[in-house]
Amino acid sequence: MTINQSWHELRVGDHICILHLPQIQMLENTKQLYQRLIAERAILKVSEIDRWGYPVIYYSFQNKQGEGEAHSLAIDESDIWEKVNIT
């Protein structure tokens, strides 16, 4: 596991775990997503590199109303994460 590795080094197929809530302003639903990912210590797979070069993860879950939710999140310099080796 490597903490605070540059997001520029992430590649499609890499796995990461978000460690802390970024210290930036964000929408409330984005904040709630980060809190959920941190609380669950979710292992997230980089699914793509977007057109601006940011690694993107997708995450889906069932909300309190029993409905499915799907979210995407671009990883950047404000995120604190660790790379996870899946064997």
PDB file of N, CA and C in Angstrom:
ATOM      1  N   MET A   1       0.838  -1.183   0.000  1.00  0.00           N
ATOM      2  CA  MET A   1       0.000   0.000   0.000  1.00  0.00           C
ATOM      3  C   MET A   1       0.881   1.245   0.000  1.00  0.00           C
ATOM      4  N   THR A   2       0.510   2.206  -0.821  1.00  0.00           N
ATOM      5  CA  THR A   2       1.260   3.445  -0.918  1.00  0.00           C
ATOM      6  C   THR A   2       0.312   4.607  -0.686  1.00  0.00           C
ATOM      7  N   ILE A   3       0.593   5.417   0.327  1.00  0.00           N
ATOM      8  CA  ILE A   3      -0.252   6.564   0.640  1.00  0.00           C
ATOM      9  C   ILE A   3       0.328   7.808  -0.027  1.00  0.00           C
ATOM     10  N   ASN A   4      -0.565   8.671  -0.537  1.00  0.00           N
ATOM     11  CA  ASN A   4      -0.207   9.951  -1.138  1.00  0.00           C
ATOM     12  C   ASN A   4       0.648   9.819  -2.384  1.00  0.00           C
ATOM     13  N   GLN A   5       0.521   8.734  -3.079  1.00  0.00           N
ATOM     14  CA  GLN A   5       1.156   8.599  -4.372  1.00  0.00           C
ATOM     15  C   GLN A   5       0.452   9.564  -5.321  1.00  0.00           C
ATOM     16  N   SER A   6       1.136  10.068  -6.300  1.00  0.00           N
ATOM     17  CA  SER A   6       0.534  11.007  -7.228  1.00  0.00           C
ATOM     18  C   SER A   6      -0.606  10.348  -8.005  1.00  0.00           C
ATOM     19  N   TRP A   7      -1.724  11.038  -8.107  1.00  0.00           N
ATOM     20  CA  TRP A   7      -2.853  10.520  -8.868  1.00  0.00           C
ATOM     21  C   TRP A   7      -2.497  10.363 -10.340  1.00  0.00           C
ATOM     22  N   HIS A   8      -1.482  11.094 -10.788  1.00  0.00           N
ATOM     23  CA  HIS A   8      -1.029  10.985 -12.184  1.00  0.00           C
ATOM     24  C   HIS A   8      -0.500   9.587 -12.495  1.00  0.00           C
ATOM     25  N   GLU A   9      -0.087   8.875 -11.467  1.00  0.00           N
ATOM     26  CA  GLU A   9       0.491   7.547 -11.662  1.00  0.00           C
ATOM     27  C   GLU A   9      -0.550   6.435 -11.690  1.00  0.00           C
ATOM     28  N   LEU A  10      -1.802   6.757 -11.351  1.00  0.00           N
ATOM     29  CA  LEU A  10      -2.850   5.732 -11.368  1.00  0.00           C
ATOM     30  C   LEU A  10      -3.190   5.341 -12.798  1.00  0.00           C
ATOM     31  N   ARG A  11      -3.455   4.059 -12.977  1.00  0.00           N
ATOM     32  CA  ARG A  11      -3.796   3.497 -14.287  1.00  0.00           C
ATOM     33  C   ARG A  11      -5.108   2.715 -14.189  1.00  0.00           C
ATOM     34  N   VAL A  12      -5.754   2.531 -15.318  1.00  0.00           N
ATOM     35  CA  VAL A  12      -6.963   1.715 -15.362  1.00  0.00           C
ATOM     36  C   VAL A  12      -6.631   0.333 -14.797  1.00  0.00           C
ATOM     37  N   GLY A  13      -7.486  -0.144 -13.893  1.00  0.00           N
ATOM     38  CA  GLY A  13      -7.283  -1.438 -13.257  1.00  0.00           C
ATOM     39  C   GLY A  13      -6.654  -1.347 -11.881  1.00  0.00           C
ATOM     40  N   ASP A  14      -6.023  -0.208 -11.537  1.00  0.00           N
ATOM     41  CA  ASP A  14      -5.475  -0.029 -10.189  1.00  0.00           C
ATOM     42  C   ASP A  14      -6.608   0.026  -9.182  1.00  0.00           C
ATOM     43  N   HIS A  15      -6.330  -0.411  -7.958  1.00  0.00           N
ATOM     44  CA  HIS A  15      -7.303  -0.374  -6.866  1.00  0.00           C
ATOM     45  C   HIS A  15      -6.822   0.598  -5.798  1.00  0.00           C
ATOM     46  N   ILE A  16      -7.755   1.397  -5.281  1.00  0.00           N
ATOM     47  CA  ILE A  16      -7.419   2.355  -4.234  1.00  0.00           C
ATOM     48  C   ILE A  16      -8.476   2.329  -3.136  1.00  0.00           C
ATOM     49  N   CYS A  17      -8.119   2.919  -2.017  1.00  0.00           N
ATOM     50  CA  CYS A  17      -9.028   3.104  -0.895  1.00  0.00           C
ATOM     51  C   CYS A  17      -8.898   4.569  -0.461  1.00  0.00           C
ATOM     52  N   ILE A  18     -10.001   5.286  -0.401  1.00  0.00           N
ATOM     53  CA  ILE A  18     -10.003   6.680   0.048  1.00  0.00           C
ATOM     54  C   ILE A  18      -9.842   6.680   1.567  1.00  0.00           C
ATOM     55  N   LEU A  19      -8.916   7.498   2.070  1.00  0.00           N
ATOM     56  CA  LEU A  19      -8.603   7.482   3.508  1.00  0.00           C
ATOM     57  C   LEU A  19      -9.240   8.619   4.300  1.00  0.00           C
ATOM     58  N   HIS A  20      -9.332   9.800   3.702  1.00  0.00           N
ATOM     59  CA  HIS A  20      -9.833  10.971   4.429  1.00  0.00           C
ATOM     60  C   HIS A  20     -10.694  11.838   3.519  1.00  0.00           C
ATOM     61  N   LEU A  21     -11.582  12.580   4.124  1.00  0.00           N
ATOM     62  CA  LEU A  21     -12.411  13.537   3.409  1.00  0.00           C
ATOM     63  C   LEU A  21     -11.517  14.676   2.921  1.00  0.00           C
ATOM     64  N   PRO A  22     -11.552  15.009   1.641  1.00  0.00           N
ATOM     65  CA  PRO A  22     -10.738  16.122   1.140  1.00  0.00           C
ATOM     66  C   PRO A  22     -11.122  17.426   1.835  1.00  0.00           C
ATOM     67  N   GLN A  23     -10.151  18.266   2.055  1.00  0.00           N
ATOM     68  CA  GLN A  23     -10.375  19.544   2.733  1.00  0.00           C
ATOM     69  C   GLN A  23     -10.664  20.643   1.709  1.00  0.00           C
ATOM     70  N   ILE A  24     -11.693  20.418   0.909  1.00  0.00           N
ATOM     71  CA  ILE A  24     -12.113  21.383  -0.102  1.00  0.00           C
ATOM     72  C   ILE A  24     -13.626  21.516  -0.026  1.00  0.00           C
ATOM     73  N   GLN A  25     -14.157  22.584  -0.607  1.00  0.00           N
ATOM     74  CA  GLN A  25     -15.605  22.723  -0.664  1.00  0.00           C
ATOM     75  C   GLN A  25     -16.142  21.772  -1.722  1.00  0.00           C
ATOM     76  N   MET A  26     -17.267  21.140  -1.407  1.00  0.00           N
ATOM     77  CA  MET A  26     -17.888  20.217  -2.350  1.00  0.00           C
ATOM     78  C   MET A  26     -19.384  20.178  -2.092  1.00  0.00           C
ATOM     79  N   LEU A  27     -20.100  19.675  -3.061  1.00  0.00           N
ATOM     80  CA  LEU A  27     -21.533  19.506  -2.898  1.00  0.00           C
ATOM     81  C   LEU A  27     -21.818  18.503  -1.787  1.00  0.00           C
ATOM     82  N   GLU A  28     -22.954  18.654  -1.137  1.00  0.00           N
ATOM     83  CA  GLU A  28     -23.300  17.778  -0.012  1.00  0.00           C
ATOM     84  C   GLU A  28     -23.377  16.310  -0.427  1.00  0.00           C
ATOM     85  N   ASN A  29     -23.919  16.018  -1.607  1.00  0.00           N
ATOM     86  CA  ASN A  29     -24.014  14.611  -2.015  1.00  0.00           C
ATOM     87  C   ASN A  29     -22.626  14.028  -2.312  1.00  0.00           C
ATOM     88  N   THR A  30     -21.698  14.853  -2.772  1.00  0.00           N
ATOM     89  CA  THR A  30     -20.318  14.387  -2.975  1.00  0.00           C
ATOM     90  C   THR A  30     -19.660  14.117  -1.624  1.00  0.00           C
ATOM     91  N   LYS A  31     -19.886  14.983  -0.666  1.00  0.00           N
ATOM     92  CA  LYS A  31     -19.358  14.795   0.687  1.00  0.00           C
ATOM     93  C   LYS A  31     -19.892  13.499   1.289  1.00  0.00           C
ATOM     94  N   GLN A  32     -21.183  13.241   1.111  1.00  0.00           N
ATOM     95  CA  GLN A  32     -21.780  12.014   1.637  1.00  0.00           C
ATOM     96  C   GLN A  32     -21.191  10.779   0.966  1.00  0.00           C
ATOM     97  N   LEU A  33     -20.902  10.873  -0.329  1.00  0.00           N
ATOM     98  CA  LEU A  33     -20.269   9.754  -1.021  1.00  0.00           C
ATOM     99  C   LEU A  33     -18.893   9.481  -0.436  1.00  0.00           C
ATOM    100  N   TYR A  34     -18.074  10.523  -0.259  1.00  0.00           N
ATOM    101  CA  TYR A  34     -16.758  10.341   0.352  1.00  0.00           C
ATOM    102  C   TYR A  34     -16.887   9.706   1.734  1.00  0.00           C
ATOM    103  N   GLN A  35     -17.819  10.211   2.551  1.00  0.00           N
ATOM    104  CA  GLN A  35     -17.990   9.670   3.897  1.00  0.00           C
ATOM    105  C   GLN A  35     -18.342   8.189   3.849  1.00  0.00           C
ATOM    106  N   ARG A  36     -19.178   7.799   2.914  1.00  0.00           N
ATOM    107  CA  ARG A  36     -19.559   6.394   2.770  1.00  0.00           C
ATOM    108  C   ARG A  36     -18.351   5.550   2.353  1.00  0.00           C
ATOM    109  N   LEU A  37     -17.607   6.026   1.370  1.00  0.00           N
ATOM    110  CA  LEU A  37     -16.427   5.286   0.897  1.00  0.00           C
ATOM    111  C   LEU A  37     -15.402   5.105   2.020  1.00  0.00           C
ATOM    112  N   ILE A  38     -15.224   6.135   2.824  1.00  0.00           N
ATOM    113  CA  ILE A  38     -14.266   6.073   3.931  1.00  0.00           C
ATOM    114  C   ILE A  38     -14.770   5.129   5.014  1.00  0.00           C
ATOM    115  N   ALA A  39     -16.033   5.256   5.398  1.00  0.00           N
ATOM    116  CA  ALA A  39     -16.604   4.413   6.450  1.00  0.00           C
ATOM    117  C   ALA A  39     -16.557   2.937   6.067  1.00  0.00           C
ATOM    118  N   GLU A  40     -16.818   2.641   4.809  1.00  0.00           N
ATOM    119  CA  GLU A  40     -16.822   1.248   4.346  1.00  0.00           C
ATOM    120  C   GLU A  40     -15.431   0.736   3.983  1.00  0.00           C
ATOM    121  N   ARG A  41     -14.455   1.641   3.974  1.00  0.00           N
ATOM    122  CA  ARG A  41     -13.101   1.295   3.498  1.00  0.00           C
ATOM    123  C   ARG A  41     -13.212   0.556   2.166  1.00  0.00           C
ATOM    124  N   ALA A  42     -14.048   1.125   1.300  1.00  0.00           N
ATOM    125  CA  ALA A  42     -14.327   0.528  -0.004  1.00  0.00           C
ATOM    126  C   ALA A  42     -13.057   0.463  -0.848  1.00  0.00           C
ATOM    127  N   ILE A  43     -12.849  -0.670  -1.465  1.00  0.00           N
ATOM    128  CA  ILE A  43     -11.755  -0.825  -2.419  1.00  0.00           C
ATOM    129  C   ILE A  43     -12.332  -0.504  -3.786  1.00  0.00           C
ATOM    130  N   LEU A  44     -11.769   0.506  -4.414  1.00  0.00           N
ATOM    131  CA  LEU A  44     -12.302   1.065  -5.644  1.00  0.00           C
ATOM    132  C   LEU A  44     -11.349   0.810  -6.800  1.00  0.00           C
ATOM    133  N   LYS A  45     -11.893   0.453  -7.932  1.00  0.00           N
ATOM    134  CA  LYS A  45     -11.083   0.170  -9.112  1.00  0.00           C
ATOM    135  C   LYS A  45     -11.125   1.366 -10.055  1.00  0.00           C
ATOM    136  N   VAL A  46      -9.956   1.790 -10.517  1.00  0.00           N
ATOM    137  CA  VAL A  46      -9.898   2.846 -11.521  1.00  0.00           C
ATOM    138  C   VAL A  46     -10.447   2.259 -12.818  1.00  0.00           C
ATOM    139  N   SER A  47     -11.555   2.813 -13.291  1.00  0.00           N
ATOM    140  CA  SER A  47     -12.237   2.282 -14.470  1.00  0.00           C
ATOM    141  C   SER A  47     -11.815   2.951 -15.762  1.00  0.00           C
ATOM    142  N   GLU A  48     -11.415   4.209 -15.661  1.00  0.00           N
ATOM    143  CA  GLU A  48     -11.013   4.925 -16.865  1.00  0.00           C
ATOM    144  C   GLU A  48     -10.154   6.130 -16.491  1.00  0.00           C
ATOM    145  N   ILE A  49      -9.498   6.668 -17.481  1.00  0.00           N
ATOM    146  CA  ILE A  49      -8.817   7.952 -17.360  1.00  0.00           C
ATOM    147  C   ILE A  49      -9.626   8.890 -18.247  1.00  0.00           C
ATOM    148  N   ASP A  50     -10.143   9.970 -17.652  1.00  0.00           N
ATOM    149  CA  ASP A  50     -11.021  10.849 -18.426  1.00  0.00           C
ATOM    150  C   ASP A  50     -10.224  11.705 -19.414  1.00  0.00           C
ATOM    151  N   ARG A  51     -10.927  12.510 -20.180  1.00  0.00           N
ATOM    152  CA  ARG A  51     -10.256  13.274 -21.238  1.00  0.00           C
ATOM    153  C   ARG A  51      -9.319  14.354 -20.710  1.00  0.00           C
ATOM    154  N   TRP A  52      -9.395  14.664 -19.417  1.00  0.00           N
ATOM    155  CA  TRP A  52      -8.482  15.625 -18.805  1.00  0.00           C
ATOM    156  C   TRP A  52      -7.330  14.923 -18.088  1.00  0.00           C
ATOM    157  N   GLY A  53      -7.320  13.594 -18.133  1.00  0.00           N
ATOM    158  CA  GLY A  53      -6.233  12.824 -17.535  1.00  0.00           C
ATOM    159  C   GLY A  53      -6.475  12.362 -16.113  1.00  0.00           C
ATOM    160  N   TYR A  54      -7.688  12.582 -15.578  1.00  0.00           N
ATOM    161  CA  TYR A  54      -7.984  12.178 -14.205  1.00  0.00           C
ATOM    162  C   TYR A  54      -8.464  10.734 -14.149  1.00  0.00           C
ATOM    163  N   PRO A  55      -7.951   9.963 -13.189  1.00  0.00           N
ATOM    164  CA  PRO A  55      -8.466   8.604 -12.980  1.00  0.00           C
ATOM    165  C   PRO A  55      -9.896   8.690 -12.431  1.00  0.00           C
ATOM    166  N   VAL A  56     -10.776   7.830 -12.923  1.00  0.00           N
ATOM    167  CA  VAL A  56     -12.184   7.858 -12.523  1.00  0.00           C
ATOM    168  C   VAL A  56     -12.573   6.502 -11.949  1.00  0.00           C
ATOM    169  N   ILE A  57     -13.282   6.549 -10.816  1.00  0.00           N
ATOM    170  CA  ILE A  57     -13.833   5.334 -10.209  1.00  0.00           C
ATOM    171  C   ILE A  57     -15.353   5.430 -10.266  1.00  0.00           C
ATOM    172  N   TYR A  58     -15.997   4.280 -10.285  1.00  0.00           N
ATOM    173  CA  TYR A  58     -17.460   4.196 -10.238  1.00  0.00           C
ATOM    174  C   TYR A  58     -17.829   3.420  -8.985  1.00  0.00           C
ATOM    175  N   TYR A  59     -18.923   3.838  -8.348  1.00  0.00           N
ATOM    176  CA  TYR A  59     -19.358   3.185  -7.122  1.00  0.00           C
ATOM    177  C   TYR A  59     -20.878   3.155  -7.109  1.00  0.00           C
ATOM    178  N   SER A  60     -21.442   2.012  -6.821  1.00  0.00           N
ATOM    179  CA  SER A  60     -22.899   1.906  -6.736  1.00  0.00           C
ATOM    180  C   SER A  60     -23.286   1.216  -5.433  1.00  0.00           C
ATOM    181  N   PHE A  61     -24.462   1.560  -4.934  1.00  0.00           N
ATOM    182  CA  PHE A  61     -24.965   0.992  -3.684  1.00  0.00           C
ATOM    183  C   PHE A  61     -26.471   1.172  -3.632  1.00  0.00           C
ATOM    184  N   GLN A  62     -27.082   0.558  -2.649  1.00  0.00           N
ATOM    185  CA  GLN A  62     -28.513   0.687  -2.426  1.00  0.00           C
ATOM    186  C   GLN A  62     -28.730   1.715  -1.316  1.00  0.00           C
ATOM    187  N   ASN A  63     -29.513   2.750  -1.577  1.00  0.00           N
ATOM    188  CA  ASN A  63     -29.736   3.794  -0.575  1.00  0.00           C
ATOM    189  C   ASN A  63     -30.763   3.358   0.471  1.00  0.00           C
ATOM    190  N   LYS A  64     -31.053   4.241   1.411  1.00  0.00           N
ATOM    191  CA  LYS A  64     -31.970   3.918   2.516  1.00  0.00           C
ATOM    192  C   LYS A  64     -33.387   3.613   2.039  1.00  0.00           C
ATOM    193  N   GLN A  65     -33.745   4.124   0.876  1.00  0.00           N
ATOM    194  CA  GLN A  65     -35.062   3.867   0.315  1.00  0.00           C
ATOM    195  C   GLN A  65     -35.084   2.575  -0.498  1.00  0.00           C
ATOM    196  N   GLY A  66     -33.955   1.879  -0.549  1.00  0.00           N
ATOM    197  CA  GLY A  66     -33.881   0.627  -1.285  1.00  0.00           C
ATOM    198  C   GLY A  66     -33.645   0.798  -2.775  1.00  0.00           C
ATOM    199  N   GLU A  67     -33.369   2.023  -3.180  1.00  0.00           N
ATOM    200  CA  GLU A  67     -33.128   2.304  -4.591  1.00  0.00           C
ATOM    201  C   GLU A  67     -31.636   2.233  -4.900  1.00  0.00           C
ATOM    202  N   GLY A  68     -31.317   1.821  -6.106  1.00  0.00           N
ATOM    203  CA  GLY A  68     -29.929   1.782  -6.522  1.00  0.00           C
ATOM    204  C   GLY A  68     -29.408   3.166  -6.861  1.00  0.00           C
ATOM    205  N   GLU A  69     -28.183   3.446  -6.446  1.00  0.00           N
ATOM    206  CA  GLU A  69     -27.511   4.705  -6.782  1.00  0.00           C
ATOM    207  C   GLU A  69     -26.171   4.367  -7.401  1.00  0.00           C
ATOM    208  N   ALA A  70     -25.802   5.138  -8.403  1.00  0.00           N
ATOM    209  CA  ALA A  70     -24.501   4.963  -9.046  1.00  0.00           C
ATOM    210  C   ALA A  70     -23.809   6.319  -9.111  1.00  0.00           C
ATOM    211  N   HIS A  71     -22.535   6.327  -8.787  1.00  0.00           N
ATOM    212  CA  HIS A  71     -21.759   7.564  -8.743  1.00  0.00           C
ATOM    213  C   HIS A  71     -20.412   7.351  -9.409  1.00  0.00           C
ATOM    214  N   SER A  72     -19.852   8.435  -9.903  1.00  0.00           N
ATOM    215  CA  SER A  72     -18.483   8.410 -10.396  1.00  0.00           C
ATOM    216  C   SER A  72     -17.714   9.495  -9.656  1.00  0.00           C
ATOM    217  N   LEU A  73     -16.414   9.295  -9.558  1.00  0.00           N
ATOM    218  CA  LEU A  73     -15.569  10.228  -8.833  1.00  0.00           C
ATOM    219  C   LEU A  73     -14.218  10.281  -9.517  1.00  0.00           C
ATOM    220  N   ALA A  74     -13.789  11.483  -9.884  1.00  0.00           N
ATOM    221  CA  ALA A  74     -12.454  11.670 -10.455  1.00  0.00           C
ATOM    222  C   ALA A  74     -11.477  11.899  -9.305  1.00  0.00           C
ATOM    223  N   ILE A  75     -10.375  11.202  -9.327  1.00  0.00           N
ATOM    224  CA  ILE A  75      -9.353  11.321  -8.285  1.00  0.00           C
ATOM    225  C   ILE A  75      -8.384  12.424  -8.688  1.00  0.00           C
ATOM    226  N   ASP A  76      -8.083  13.326  -7.745  1.00  0.00           N
ATOM    227  CA  ASP A  76      -7.150  14.414  -8.046  1.00  0.00           C
ATOM    228  C   ASP A  76      -6.275  14.721  -6.839  1.00  0.00           C
ATOM    229  N   GLU A  77      -5.597  15.870  -6.894  1.00  0.00           N
ATOM    230  CA  GLU A  77      -4.617  16.226  -5.857  1.00  0.00           C
ATOM    231  C   GLU A  77      -5.228  16.461  -4.487  1.00  0.00           C
ATOM    232  N   SER A  78      -6.545  16.662  -4.376  1.00  0.00           N
ATOM    233  CA  SER A  78      -7.162  16.888  -3.068  1.00  0.00           C
ATOM    234  C   SER A  78      -7.480  15.588  -2.343  1.00  0.00           C
ATOM    235  N   ASP A  79      -7.440  14.470  -3.051  1.00  0.00           N
ATOM    236  CA  ASP A  79      -7.796  13.186  -2.452  1.00  0.00           C
ATOM    237  C   ASP A  79      -6.615  12.559  -1.707  1.00  0.00           C
ATOM    238  N   ILE A  80      -6.938  11.947  -0.577  1.00  0.00           N
ATOM    239  CA  ILE A  80      -5.944  11.194   0.194  1.00  0.00           C
ATOM    240  C   ILE A  80      -6.364   9.740   0.126  1.00  0.00           C
ATOM    241  N   TRP A  81      -5.542   8.937  -0.509  1.00  0.00           N
ATOM    242  CA  TRP A  81      -5.879   7.550  -0.798  1.00  0.00           C
ATOM    243  C   TRP A  81      -4.639   6.685  -0.676  1.00  0.00           C
ATOM    244  N   GLU A  82      -4.877   5.397  -0.668  1.00  0.00           N
ATOM    245  CA  GLU A  82      -3.773   4.450  -0.727  1.00  0.00           C
ATOM    246  C   GLU A  82      -4.062   3.442  -1.829  1.00  0.00           C
ATOM    247  N   LYS A  83      -3.004   3.040  -2.470  1.00  0.00           N
ATOM    248  CA  LYS A  83      -3.131   2.009  -3.505  1.00  0.00           C
ATOM    249  C   LYS A  83      -3.201   0.662  -2.807  1.00  0.00           C
ATOM    250  N   VAL A  84      -4.107  -0.189  -3.269  1.00  0.00           N
ATOM    251  CA  VAL A  84      -4.330  -1.494  -2.655  1.00  0.00           C
ATOM    252  C   VAL A  84      -3.955  -2.561  -3.663  1.00  0.00           C
ATOM    253  N   ASN A  85      -3.124  -3.488  -3.228  1.00  0.00           N
ATOM    254  CA  ASN A  85      -2.746  -4.615  -4.082  1.00  0.00           C
ATOM    255  C   ASN A  85      -3.756  -5.740  -3.894  1.00  0.00           C
ATOM    256  N   ILE A  86      -4.422  -6.118  -4.973  1.00  0.00           N
ATOM    257  CA  ILE A  86      -5.392  -7.200  -4.958  1.00  0.00           C
ATOM    258  C   ILE A  86      -4.696  -8.431  -5.513  1.00  0.00           C
ATOM    259  N   THR A  87      -4.685  -9.483  -4.712  1.00  0.00           N
ATOM    260  CA  THR A  87      -4.049 -10.730  -5.193  1.00  0.00           C
ATOM    261  C   THR A  87      -5.034 -11.858  -5.255  1.00  0.00           C
TER     262      THR A  87
END
